């Protein structure tokens, strides 16, 4: 079994049952022994944060959650309490930091997933990965608080990367993403977006 899968079992994260670990291992293994900054939105019980802490032995791990009871202290781990769509809060967390990996496993409303991506993309290092988990929530009515889904948003970005010639539509932030996204890789309920 892969090391990440073992750590998920050890700490009791739900990421194993989602089938994410082999995919994560493929993408993040290159950073395993490097000094990196990792942010995860959605601390919950802390299982995932603890898993990343053990896997990335030289990483600084930053967690974000809206619930105060999720805050804990440990060497190389900082937990911030606030709303993942609050631009001022997120920019305060990111002040003087750039991240190698940003994982959104927080609230699964469309405004949360899309809003966080739009705010945090500028804080992702060149060559870094932005991951959004639980994309299946794009198909659940209780998470649909916008007129478009996270999948719609990402598929539009994917189309923009592959279109040439004149566009028949405009997207407010098309140029920024078109110039800075290297790839968007979709898997069942999860996406990995690499920054140029």
N, C-alpha and C. Protein backbone atom coordinates (compact mmCIF):
# COMPACT_ATOMS: atom_id res chain seq x y z
N UNK A 1 0.85 -1.19 0.00
CA UNK A 1 0.00 0.00 0.00
C UNK A 1 0.89 1.24 0.00
N UNK A 2 0.48 2.29 -0.68
CA UNK A 2 1.23 3.53 -0.74
C UNK A 2 1.32 4.17 0.63
N UNK A 3 2.38 4.95 0.81
CA UNK A 3 2.62 5.59 2.11
C UNK A 3 1.47 6.51 2.51
N UNK A 4 0.97 7.30 1.59
CA UNK A 4 -0.14 8.19 1.94
C UNK A 4 -1.38 7.42 2.37
N UNK A 5 -1.65 6.32 1.71
CA UNK A 5 -2.80 5.49 2.09
C UNK A 5 -2.63 4.96 3.51
N UNK A 6 -1.42 4.57 3.85
CA UNK A 6 -1.14 4.10 5.22
C UNK A 6 -1.36 5.23 6.23
N UNK A 7 -0.91 6.43 5.89
CA UNK A 7 -1.08 7.57 6.80
C UNK A 7 -2.54 7.96 6.94
N UNK A 8 -3.30 7.85 5.88
CA UNK A 8 -4.74 8.12 5.96
C UNK A 8 -5.39 7.16 6.93
N UNK A 9 -5.03 5.88 6.84
CA UNK A 9 -5.57 4.88 7.78
C UNK A 9 -5.14 5.20 9.20
N UNK A 10 -3.88 5.57 9.37
CA UNK A 10 -3.35 5.87 10.70
C UNK A 10 -4.11 7.02 11.37
N UNK A 11 -4.38 8.07 10.61
CA UNK A 11 -5.01 9.26 11.19
C UNK A 11 -6.53 9.29 11.04
N UNK A 12 -7.09 8.40 10.25
CA UNK A 12 -8.54 8.30 10.15
C UNK A 12 -9.19 9.32 9.24
N UNK A 13 -8.46 9.80 8.26
CA UNK A 13 -9.04 10.74 7.30
C UNK A 13 -9.99 10.00 6.36
N UNK A 14 -10.96 10.72 5.81
CA UNK A 14 -11.91 10.10 4.87
C UNK A 14 -11.37 10.06 3.44
N UNK A 15 -10.16 10.52 3.23
CA UNK A 15 -9.61 10.60 1.88
C UNK A 15 -9.37 9.22 1.26
N UNK A 16 -9.18 8.19 2.08
CA UNK A 16 -8.94 6.85 1.55
C UNK A 16 -10.19 6.31 0.87
N UNK A 17 -11.33 6.43 1.55
CA UNK A 17 -12.57 5.89 0.96
C UNK A 17 -12.96 6.64 -0.30
N UNK A 18 -12.51 7.89 -0.42
CA UNK A 18 -12.79 8.67 -1.63
C UNK A 18 -11.91 8.22 -2.80
N UNK A 19 -10.84 7.46 -2.51
CA UNK A 19 -9.95 6.97 -3.56
C UNK A 19 -8.93 8.00 -4.03
N UNK A 20 -8.70 9.02 -3.21
CA UNK A 20 -7.81 10.11 -3.61
C UNK A 20 -6.32 9.79 -3.45
N UNK A 21 -5.97 8.89 -2.55
CA UNK A 21 -4.56 8.76 -2.17
C UNK A 21 -3.61 8.35 -3.28
N UNK A 22 -3.94 7.38 -4.12
CA UNK A 22 -3.00 7.05 -5.21
C UNK A 22 -2.79 8.24 -6.15
N UNK A 23 -3.82 9.03 -6.33
CA UNK A 23 -3.71 10.20 -7.21
C UNK A 23 -2.82 11.25 -6.55
N UNK A 24 -3.08 11.51 -5.28
CA UNK A 24 -2.23 12.46 -4.54
C UNK A 24 -0.77 12.01 -4.59
N UNK A 25 -0.54 10.74 -4.31
CA UNK A 25 0.84 10.22 -4.28
C UNK A 25 1.55 10.51 -5.61
N UNK A 26 0.85 10.33 -6.70
CA UNK A 26 1.42 10.58 -8.03
C UNK A 26 1.86 12.04 -8.18
N UNK A 27 1.04 12.96 -7.71
CA UNK A 27 1.31 14.39 -7.92
C UNK A 27 2.24 15.02 -6.89
N UNK A 28 2.16 14.60 -5.63
CA UNK A 28 2.87 15.34 -4.58
C UNK A 28 4.16 14.68 -4.11
N UNK A 29 4.42 13.47 -4.55
CA UNK A 29 5.60 12.74 -4.08
C UNK A 29 6.90 13.52 -4.28
N UNK A 30 7.00 14.30 -5.32
CA UNK A 30 8.23 15.04 -5.61
C UNK A 30 8.57 16.07 -4.53
N UNK A 31 7.58 16.47 -3.73
CA UNK A 31 7.82 17.44 -2.67
C UNK A 31 8.07 16.79 -1.31
N UNK A 32 8.03 15.48 -1.26
CA UNK A 32 8.03 14.76 0.02
C UNK A 32 9.15 15.20 0.97
N UNK A 33 10.35 15.36 0.47
CA UNK A 33 11.49 15.69 1.33
C UNK A 33 11.96 17.13 1.13
N UNK A 34 11.08 17.97 0.65
CA UNK A 34 11.46 19.37 0.39
C UNK A 34 10.77 20.30 1.39
N UNK A 35 11.36 21.47 1.55
CA UNK A 35 10.75 22.50 2.38
C UNK A 35 9.68 23.20 1.54
N UNK A 36 8.45 22.94 1.88
CA UNK A 36 7.33 23.51 1.12
C UNK A 36 6.32 24.14 2.06
N UNK A 37 5.41 24.90 1.47
CA UNK A 37 4.25 25.42 2.19
C UNK A 37 3.01 24.76 1.60
N UNK A 38 2.20 24.18 2.46
CA UNK A 38 0.96 23.52 2.06
C UNK A 38 -0.19 24.14 2.82
N UNK A 39 -1.24 24.50 2.13
CA UNK A 39 -2.46 24.99 2.77
C UNK A 39 -3.58 24.00 2.50
N UNK A 40 -4.32 23.69 3.55
CA UNK A 40 -5.54 22.89 3.36
C UNK A 40 -6.71 23.62 3.99
N UNK A 41 -7.73 23.83 3.18
CA UNK A 41 -8.98 24.42 3.66
C UNK A 41 -9.87 23.26 4.10
N UNK A 42 -10.33 23.32 5.33
CA UNK A 42 -11.16 22.26 5.90
C UNK A 42 -10.35 21.39 6.83
N UNK A 43 -10.19 21.83 8.07
CA UNK A 43 -9.37 21.10 9.06
C UNK A 43 -10.15 19.95 9.66
N UNK A 44 -11.41 20.19 9.99
CA UNK A 44 -12.27 19.18 10.60
C UNK A 44 -11.61 18.58 11.84
N UNK A 45 -11.41 17.27 11.87
CA UNK A 45 -10.81 16.61 13.04
C UNK A 45 -9.30 16.79 13.09
N UNK A 46 -8.71 17.28 12.01
CA UNK A 46 -7.25 17.44 11.95
C UNK A 46 -6.54 16.25 11.35
N UNK A 47 -7.28 15.21 10.98
CA UNK A 47 -6.66 13.98 10.46
C UNK A 47 -5.84 14.24 9.21
N UNK A 48 -6.38 14.99 8.29
CA UNK A 48 -5.68 15.26 7.04
C UNK A 48 -4.44 16.13 7.28
N UNK A 49 -4.58 17.13 8.13
CA UNK A 49 -3.44 18.00 8.46
C UNK A 49 -2.32 17.18 9.08
N UNK A 50 -2.67 16.29 10.00
CA UNK A 50 -1.67 15.42 10.64
C UNK A 50 -1.01 14.50 9.61
N UNK A 51 -1.80 13.99 8.69
CA UNK A 51 -1.26 13.13 7.65
C UNK A 51 -0.24 13.88 6.81
N UNK A 52 -0.60 15.09 6.36
CA UNK A 52 0.35 15.88 5.55
C UNK A 52 1.59 16.23 6.37
N UNK A 53 1.41 16.52 7.63
CA UNK A 53 2.53 16.86 8.51
C UNK A 53 3.54 15.72 8.58
N UNK A 54 3.05 14.51 8.68
CA UNK A 54 3.96 13.36 8.75
C UNK A 54 4.55 13.03 7.38
N UNK A 55 3.78 13.17 6.34
CA UNK A 55 4.27 12.83 5.00
C UNK A 55 5.32 13.83 4.51
N UNK A 56 5.04 15.11 4.68
CA UNK A 56 5.98 16.17 4.28
C UNK A 56 6.75 16.62 5.52
N UNK A 57 7.84 15.96 5.80
CA UNK A 57 8.56 16.16 7.06
C UNK A 57 9.22 17.53 7.20
N UNK A 58 9.38 18.25 6.10
CA UNK A 58 9.99 19.58 6.15
C UNK A 58 9.00 20.69 5.79
N UNK A 59 7.75 20.34 5.67
CA UNK A 59 6.75 21.31 5.20
C UNK A 59 6.19 22.14 6.34
N UNK A 60 5.81 23.36 5.99
CA UNK A 60 4.97 24.17 6.86
C UNK A 60 3.54 23.94 6.39
N UNK A 61 2.69 23.54 7.33
CA UNK A 61 1.31 23.19 7.01
C UNK A 61 0.38 24.26 7.59
N UNK A 62 -0.47 24.80 6.74
CA UNK A 62 -1.41 25.84 7.15
C UNK A 62 -2.83 25.32 6.91
N UNK A 63 -3.62 25.31 7.98
CA UNK A 63 -5.00 24.86 7.87
C UNK A 63 -5.96 26.02 8.04
N UNK A 64 -7.08 25.95 7.36
CA UNK A 64 -8.13 26.96 7.47
C UNK A 64 -9.45 26.25 7.74
N UNK A 65 -10.16 26.76 8.73
CA UNK A 65 -11.48 26.21 9.03
C UNK A 65 -12.32 27.32 9.65
N UNK A 66 -13.60 27.23 9.50
CA UNK A 66 -14.50 28.25 10.04
C UNK A 66 -14.86 27.97 11.50
N UNK A 67 -14.62 26.74 11.94
CA UNK A 67 -15.03 26.34 13.29
C UNK A 67 -13.87 26.46 14.28
N UNK A 68 -14.02 27.27 15.34
CA UNK A 68 -12.93 27.49 16.31
C UNK A 68 -12.44 26.21 16.98
N UNK A 69 -13.30 25.22 17.14
CA UNK A 69 -12.89 23.98 17.83
C UNK A 69 -11.89 23.16 17.02
N UNK A 70 -11.64 23.52 15.78
CA UNK A 70 -10.68 22.77 14.96
C UNK A 70 -9.24 23.25 15.16
N UNK A 71 -9.07 24.34 15.87
CA UNK A 71 -7.73 24.93 16.05
C UNK A 71 -6.91 24.08 17.02
N UNK A 72 -5.68 23.79 16.64
CA UNK A 72 -4.72 23.14 17.52
C UNK A 72 -3.33 23.61 17.16
N UNK A 73 -2.37 23.35 18.04
CA UNK A 73 -1.00 23.80 17.80
C UNK A 73 -0.05 22.62 17.74
N UNK A 74 0.90 22.72 16.83
CA UNK A 74 1.93 21.71 16.67
C UNK A 74 3.04 22.32 15.83
N UNK A 75 4.25 21.85 16.05
CA UNK A 75 5.38 22.36 15.28
C UNK A 75 5.11 22.20 13.78
N UNK A 76 5.35 23.26 13.03
CA UNK A 76 5.18 23.33 11.58
C UNK A 76 3.71 23.33 11.13
N UNK A 77 2.79 23.46 12.07
CA UNK A 77 1.36 23.54 11.73
C UNK A 77 0.78 24.83 12.30
N UNK A 78 0.06 25.56 11.47
CA UNK A 78 -0.68 26.74 11.91
C UNK A 78 -2.11 26.61 11.41
N UNK A 79 -3.06 26.78 12.33
CA UNK A 79 -4.47 26.71 11.97
C UNK A 79 -5.07 28.11 12.11
N UNK A 80 -5.76 28.54 11.07
CA UNK A 80 -6.42 29.84 11.06
C UNK A 80 -7.93 29.62 11.03
N UNK A 81 -8.63 30.41 11.83
CA UNK A 81 -10.09 30.29 11.90
C UNK A 81 -10.72 31.46 11.14
N UNK A 82 -11.49 31.12 10.12
CA UNK A 82 -12.17 32.14 9.33
C UNK A 82 -12.88 31.53 8.15
N UNK A 83 -13.57 32.38 7.41
CA UNK A 83 -14.39 31.96 6.27
C UNK A 83 -13.53 31.88 5.01
N UNK A 84 -13.60 30.77 4.32
CA UNK A 84 -12.77 30.56 3.14
C UNK A 84 -13.13 31.47 1.97
N UNK A 85 -14.25 32.17 2.04
CA UNK A 85 -14.59 33.11 0.97
C UNK A 85 -14.36 34.56 1.38
N UNK A 86 -13.85 34.77 2.57
CA UNK A 86 -13.55 36.12 3.05
C UNK A 86 -12.19 36.54 2.51
N UNK A 87 -12.21 37.40 1.51
CA UNK A 87 -10.98 37.78 0.82
C UNK A 87 -9.97 38.41 1.77
N UNK A 88 -10.42 39.28 2.64
CA UNK A 88 -9.51 39.94 3.59
C UNK A 88 -8.86 38.91 4.52
N UNK A 89 -9.65 37.98 5.02
CA UNK A 89 -9.12 36.92 5.89
C UNK A 89 -8.08 36.09 5.16
N UNK A 90 -8.41 35.61 3.95
CA UNK A 90 -7.48 34.76 3.21
C UNK A 90 -6.19 35.50 2.86
N UNK A 91 -6.32 36.74 2.46
CA UNK A 91 -5.11 37.52 2.14
C UNK A 91 -4.26 37.75 3.38
N UNK A 92 -4.91 37.87 4.54
CA UNK A 92 -4.16 37.98 5.79
C UNK A 92 -3.39 36.71 6.11
N UNK A 93 -4.02 35.56 5.89
CA UNK A 93 -3.35 34.27 6.10
C UNK A 93 -2.17 34.14 5.15
N UNK A 94 -2.34 34.58 3.93
CA UNK A 94 -1.32 34.40 2.88
C UNK A 94 -0.24 35.47 2.89
N UNK A 95 -0.42 36.49 3.69
CA UNK A 95 0.54 37.60 3.70
C UNK A 95 1.96 37.06 3.85
N UNK A 96 2.83 37.48 2.95
CA UNK A 96 4.25 37.08 2.96
C UNK A 96 4.46 35.58 2.75
N UNK A 97 3.48 34.89 2.18
CA UNK A 97 3.62 33.45 1.93
C UNK A 97 3.27 33.15 0.48
N UNK A 98 3.90 32.12 -0.04
CA UNK A 98 3.53 31.51 -1.32
C UNK A 98 3.44 30.02 -1.05
N UNK A 99 2.52 29.35 -1.71
CA UNK A 99 2.25 27.95 -1.43
C UNK A 99 2.63 27.06 -2.60
N UNK A 100 3.14 25.88 -2.27
CA UNK A 100 3.44 24.86 -3.27
C UNK A 100 2.20 24.03 -3.57
N UNK A 101 1.39 23.82 -2.53
CA UNK A 101 0.17 23.02 -2.66
C UNK A 101 -0.94 23.72 -1.89
N UNK A 102 -2.09 23.88 -2.53
CA UNK A 102 -3.29 24.37 -1.86
C UNK A 102 -4.38 23.34 -2.12
N UNK A 103 -5.01 22.88 -1.04
CA UNK A 103 -6.06 21.86 -1.12
C UNK A 103 -7.35 22.44 -0.56
N UNK A 104 -8.40 22.41 -1.34
CA UNK A 104 -9.71 22.86 -0.87
C UNK A 104 -10.58 21.64 -0.58
N UNK A 105 -10.69 21.34 0.71
CA UNK A 105 -11.60 20.30 1.19
C UNK A 105 -12.51 20.92 2.25
N UNK A 106 -12.81 22.20 2.05
CA UNK A 106 -13.61 22.94 3.02
C UNK A 106 -15.08 22.82 2.73
N UNK A 107 -15.77 23.96 2.83
CA UNK A 107 -17.18 23.98 2.49
C UNK A 107 -17.33 23.66 1.02
N UNK A 108 -18.36 22.99 0.65
CA UNK A 108 -18.49 22.52 -0.72
C UNK A 108 -19.51 23.30 -1.55
N UNK A 109 -19.92 24.46 -1.03
CA UNK A 109 -20.80 25.30 -1.85
C UNK A 109 -19.98 25.86 -3.01
N UNK A 110 -20.67 26.11 -4.10
CA UNK A 110 -19.99 26.60 -5.30
C UNK A 110 -19.28 27.92 -5.03
N UNK A 111 -19.92 28.81 -4.26
CA UNK A 111 -19.30 30.10 -3.95
C UNK A 111 -18.03 29.92 -3.14
N UNK A 112 -17.97 28.88 -2.32
CA UNK A 112 -16.78 28.62 -1.51
C UNK A 112 -15.65 28.08 -2.38
N UNK A 113 -15.94 27.07 -3.18
CA UNK A 113 -14.89 26.47 -4.01
C UNK A 113 -14.36 27.46 -5.05
N UNK A 114 -15.26 28.13 -5.75
CA UNK A 114 -14.84 29.07 -6.79
C UNK A 114 -14.22 30.32 -6.17
N UNK A 115 -14.85 30.83 -5.13
CA UNK A 115 -14.34 32.04 -4.48
C UNK A 115 -12.94 31.86 -3.92
N UNK A 116 -12.71 30.75 -3.24
CA UNK A 116 -11.37 30.48 -2.69
C UNK A 116 -10.34 30.36 -3.79
N UNK A 117 -10.69 29.67 -4.86
CA UNK A 117 -9.76 29.53 -5.98
C UNK A 117 -9.37 30.89 -6.53
N UNK A 118 -10.36 31.74 -6.76
CA UNK A 118 -10.08 33.06 -7.33
C UNK A 118 -9.19 33.90 -6.42
N UNK A 119 -9.37 33.79 -5.12
CA UNK A 119 -8.56 34.56 -4.17
C UNK A 119 -7.17 33.96 -4.03
N UNK A 120 -7.07 32.65 -3.91
CA UNK A 120 -5.80 32.01 -3.56
C UNK A 120 -4.87 31.73 -4.74
N UNK A 121 -5.38 31.74 -5.96
CA UNK A 121 -4.54 31.40 -7.12
C UNK A 121 -3.26 32.23 -7.16
N UNK A 122 -3.36 33.51 -6.82
CA UNK A 122 -2.17 34.38 -6.88
C UNK A 122 -1.12 34.00 -5.83
N UNK A 123 -1.51 33.25 -4.82
CA UNK A 123 -0.57 32.85 -3.76
C UNK A 123 0.04 31.47 -4.01
N UNK A 124 -0.32 30.86 -5.11
CA UNK A 124 0.25 29.57 -5.48
C UNK A 124 1.52 29.82 -6.28
N UNK A 125 2.60 29.15 -5.89
CA UNK A 125 3.88 29.31 -6.59
C UNK A 125 3.80 28.76 -8.00
N UNK A 126 4.66 29.26 -8.85
CA UNK A 126 4.83 28.68 -10.18
C UNK A 126 5.26 27.22 -10.00
N UNK A 127 4.60 26.32 -10.69
CA UNK A 127 4.86 24.89 -10.53
C UNK A 127 4.04 24.24 -9.44
N UNK A 128 3.26 25.06 -8.71
CA UNK A 128 2.45 24.54 -7.61
C UNK A 128 1.15 23.92 -8.08
N UNK A 129 0.51 23.21 -7.14
CA UNK A 129 -0.76 22.53 -7.42
C UNK A 129 -1.89 23.10 -6.58
N UNK A 130 -3.02 23.31 -7.23
CA UNK A 130 -4.25 23.68 -6.55
C UNK A 130 -5.20 22.50 -6.72
N UNK A 131 -5.68 21.97 -5.61
CA UNK A 131 -6.52 20.77 -5.62
C UNK A 131 -7.89 21.11 -5.04
N UNK A 132 -8.94 20.70 -5.71
CA UNK A 132 -10.29 20.83 -5.16
C UNK A 132 -10.87 19.42 -5.04
N UNK A 133 -11.23 19.06 -3.82
CA UNK A 133 -11.82 17.75 -3.56
C UNK A 133 -13.35 17.84 -3.60
N UNK A 134 -13.95 16.68 -3.73
CA UNK A 134 -15.41 16.53 -3.65
C UNK A 134 -16.16 17.33 -4.72
N UNK A 135 -15.67 17.24 -5.95
CA UNK A 135 -16.32 17.94 -7.06
C UNK A 135 -17.73 17.44 -7.34
N UNK A 136 -18.06 16.26 -6.84
CA UNK A 136 -19.42 15.74 -7.04
C UNK A 136 -20.47 16.66 -6.43
N UNK A 137 -20.05 17.54 -5.52
CA UNK A 137 -21.01 18.48 -4.93
C UNK A 137 -21.57 19.45 -5.97
N UNK A 138 -20.92 19.54 -7.13
CA UNK A 138 -21.46 20.37 -8.22
C UNK A 138 -22.81 19.85 -8.70
N UNK A 139 -23.14 18.62 -8.34
CA UNK A 139 -24.38 17.99 -8.81
C UNK A 139 -25.41 17.82 -7.70
N UNK A 140 -25.16 18.42 -6.53
CA UNK A 140 -26.10 18.33 -5.41
C UNK A 140 -26.76 19.69 -5.22
N UNK A 141 -28.06 19.72 -5.20
CA UNK A 141 -28.79 20.98 -5.07
C UNK A 141 -28.41 21.78 -3.83
N UNK A 142 -28.11 21.11 -2.72
CA UNK A 142 -27.86 21.84 -1.48
C UNK A 142 -26.57 22.67 -1.53
N UNK A 143 -25.70 22.41 -2.50
CA UNK A 143 -24.46 23.17 -2.62
C UNK A 143 -24.52 24.23 -3.72
N UNK A 144 -25.62 24.28 -4.45
CA UNK A 144 -25.74 25.17 -5.60
C UNK A 144 -26.23 26.55 -5.15
N UNK A 145 -25.30 27.42 -4.82
CA UNK A 145 -25.66 28.77 -4.38
C UNK A 145 -25.26 29.83 -5.41
N UNK A 146 -24.81 29.40 -6.57
CA UNK A 146 -24.50 30.31 -7.69
C UNK A 146 -25.29 29.86 -8.91
N UNK A 147 -25.22 30.63 -9.98
CA UNK A 147 -25.92 30.22 -11.21
C UNK A 147 -25.06 29.30 -12.07
N UNK A 148 -23.89 28.93 -11.56
CA UNK A 148 -23.02 27.96 -12.25
C UNK A 148 -22.29 27.14 -11.18
N UNK A 149 -21.80 25.99 -11.58
CA UNK A 149 -21.14 25.10 -10.63
C UNK A 149 -19.62 25.22 -10.73
N UNK A 150 -18.95 24.61 -9.77
CA UNK A 150 -17.49 24.55 -9.82
C UNK A 150 -17.04 23.80 -11.07
N UNK A 151 -17.75 22.74 -11.42
CA UNK A 151 -17.41 22.01 -12.65
C UNK A 151 -17.58 22.91 -13.87
N UNK A 152 -18.65 23.69 -13.92
CA UNK A 152 -18.82 24.64 -15.03
C UNK A 152 -17.64 25.59 -15.12
N UNK A 153 -17.27 26.15 -13.98
CA UNK A 153 -16.15 27.10 -13.90
C UNK A 153 -14.86 26.46 -14.41
N UNK A 154 -14.56 25.25 -13.94
CA UNK A 154 -13.32 24.58 -14.32
C UNK A 154 -13.33 24.12 -15.78
N UNK A 155 -14.47 23.63 -16.23
CA UNK A 155 -14.56 23.21 -17.64
C UNK A 155 -14.40 24.40 -18.58
N UNK A 156 -14.89 25.55 -18.17
CA UNK A 156 -14.68 26.76 -18.97
C UNK A 156 -13.20 27.08 -19.04
N UNK A 157 -12.50 26.97 -17.91
CA UNK A 157 -11.06 27.22 -17.90
C UNK A 157 -10.34 26.21 -18.79
N UNK A 158 -10.77 24.95 -18.74
CA UNK A 158 -10.17 23.92 -19.58
C UNK A 158 -10.40 24.22 -21.06
N UNK A 159 -11.61 24.61 -21.40
CA UNK A 159 -11.90 24.99 -22.78
C UNK A 159 -11.05 26.16 -23.22
N UNK A 160 -10.90 27.14 -22.36
CA UNK A 160 -10.10 28.32 -22.70
C UNK A 160 -8.64 27.96 -22.97
N UNK A 161 -8.12 26.98 -22.26
CA UNK A 161 -6.74 26.55 -22.47
C UNK A 161 -6.56 25.92 -23.85
N UNK A 162 -7.63 25.36 -24.37
CA UNK A 162 -7.53 24.60 -25.61
C UNK A 162 -8.09 25.30 -26.84
N UNK A 163 -8.71 26.43 -26.65
CA UNK A 163 -9.27 27.17 -27.78
C UNK A 163 -8.19 28.00 -28.46
N UNK A 164 -8.29 28.12 -29.75
CA UNK A 164 -7.41 29.06 -30.46
C UNK A 164 -8.28 29.94 -31.34
N UNK A 165 -7.76 31.08 -31.72
CA UNK A 165 -8.55 31.99 -32.54
C UNK A 165 -9.48 32.84 -31.70
N UNK A 166 -10.42 33.47 -32.37
CA UNK A 166 -11.33 34.38 -31.70
C UNK A 166 -12.31 33.63 -30.80
N UNK A 167 -12.50 34.17 -29.62
CA UNK A 167 -13.45 33.57 -28.69
C UNK A 167 -14.83 34.19 -28.92
N UNK A 168 -15.83 33.37 -28.79
CA UNK A 168 -17.20 33.85 -29.00
C UNK A 168 -17.83 34.34 -27.70
N UNK A 169 -17.10 34.26 -26.61
CA UNK A 169 -17.62 34.69 -25.33
C UNK A 169 -16.45 35.28 -24.55
N UNK A 170 -16.77 35.99 -23.49
CA UNK A 170 -15.72 36.53 -22.63
C UNK A 170 -15.95 36.06 -21.21
N UNK A 171 -14.86 35.93 -20.51
CA UNK A 171 -14.90 35.57 -19.10
C UNK A 171 -14.06 36.61 -18.38
N UNK A 172 -14.57 37.15 -17.30
CA UNK A 172 -13.91 38.26 -16.61
C UNK A 172 -12.42 38.05 -16.39
N UNK A 173 -12.05 36.90 -15.87
CA UNK A 173 -10.65 36.68 -15.52
C UNK A 173 -9.97 35.68 -16.45
N UNK A 174 -10.41 35.59 -17.68
CA UNK A 174 -9.87 34.63 -18.64
C UNK A 174 -8.37 34.78 -18.82
N UNK A 175 -7.88 35.98 -19.08
CA UNK A 175 -6.48 36.17 -19.41
C UNK A 175 -5.54 35.70 -18.30
N UNK A 176 -5.88 36.01 -17.06
CA UNK A 176 -5.04 35.60 -15.94
C UNK A 176 -4.89 34.08 -15.89
N UNK A 177 -5.98 33.38 -15.98
CA UNK A 177 -5.92 31.92 -15.89
C UNK A 177 -5.34 31.29 -17.15
N UNK A 178 -5.72 31.83 -18.29
CA UNK A 178 -5.22 31.29 -19.55
C UNK A 178 -3.69 31.34 -19.59
N UNK A 179 -3.13 32.39 -19.03
CA UNK A 179 -1.67 32.56 -19.04
C UNK A 179 -0.97 31.76 -17.95
N UNK A 180 -1.67 31.43 -16.89
CA UNK A 180 -0.99 30.85 -15.73
C UNK A 180 -1.33 29.39 -15.44
N UNK A 181 -2.34 28.83 -16.07
CA UNK A 181 -2.67 27.41 -15.84
C UNK A 181 -1.88 26.55 -16.82
N UNK A 182 -1.10 25.61 -16.28
CA UNK A 182 -0.38 24.67 -17.14
C UNK A 182 -1.25 23.49 -17.51
N UNK A 183 -1.95 22.93 -16.51
CA UNK A 183 -2.89 21.84 -16.81
C UNK A 183 -4.00 21.78 -15.79
N UNK A 184 -5.08 21.15 -16.20
CA UNK A 184 -6.21 20.83 -15.32
C UNK A 184 -6.48 19.35 -15.52
N UNK A 185 -6.25 18.55 -14.48
CA UNK A 185 -6.46 17.11 -14.57
C UNK A 185 -7.63 16.71 -13.67
N UNK A 186 -8.66 16.17 -14.28
CA UNK A 186 -9.85 15.73 -13.55
C UNK A 186 -9.77 14.23 -13.27
N UNK A 187 -10.19 13.87 -12.07
CA UNK A 187 -10.40 12.48 -11.68
C UNK A 187 -11.77 12.43 -11.01
N UNK A 188 -12.19 11.28 -10.60
CA UNK A 188 -13.50 11.16 -9.95
C UNK A 188 -13.52 12.03 -8.69
N UNK A 189 -14.31 13.09 -8.73
CA UNK A 189 -14.57 13.99 -7.60
C UNK A 189 -13.38 14.85 -7.17
N UNK A 190 -12.33 14.91 -7.95
CA UNK A 190 -11.16 15.71 -7.55
C UNK A 190 -10.48 16.27 -8.80
N UNK A 191 -9.89 17.45 -8.65
CA UNK A 191 -9.18 18.08 -9.76
C UNK A 191 -7.83 18.60 -9.27
N UNK A 192 -6.82 18.47 -10.12
CA UNK A 192 -5.47 18.98 -9.86
C UNK A 192 -5.17 20.03 -10.93
N UNK A 193 -4.87 21.23 -10.49
CA UNK A 193 -4.59 22.34 -11.40
C UNK A 193 -3.17 22.81 -11.14
N UNK A 194 -2.33 22.76 -12.16
CA UNK A 194 -0.93 23.16 -12.01
C UNK A 194 -0.73 24.56 -12.56
N UNK A 195 0.01 25.35 -11.80
CA UNK A 195 0.32 26.72 -12.21
C UNK A 195 1.63 26.75 -12.98
N UNK A 196 1.66 27.49 -14.07
CA UNK A 196 2.90 27.66 -14.87
C UNK A 196 3.97 28.33 -14.04
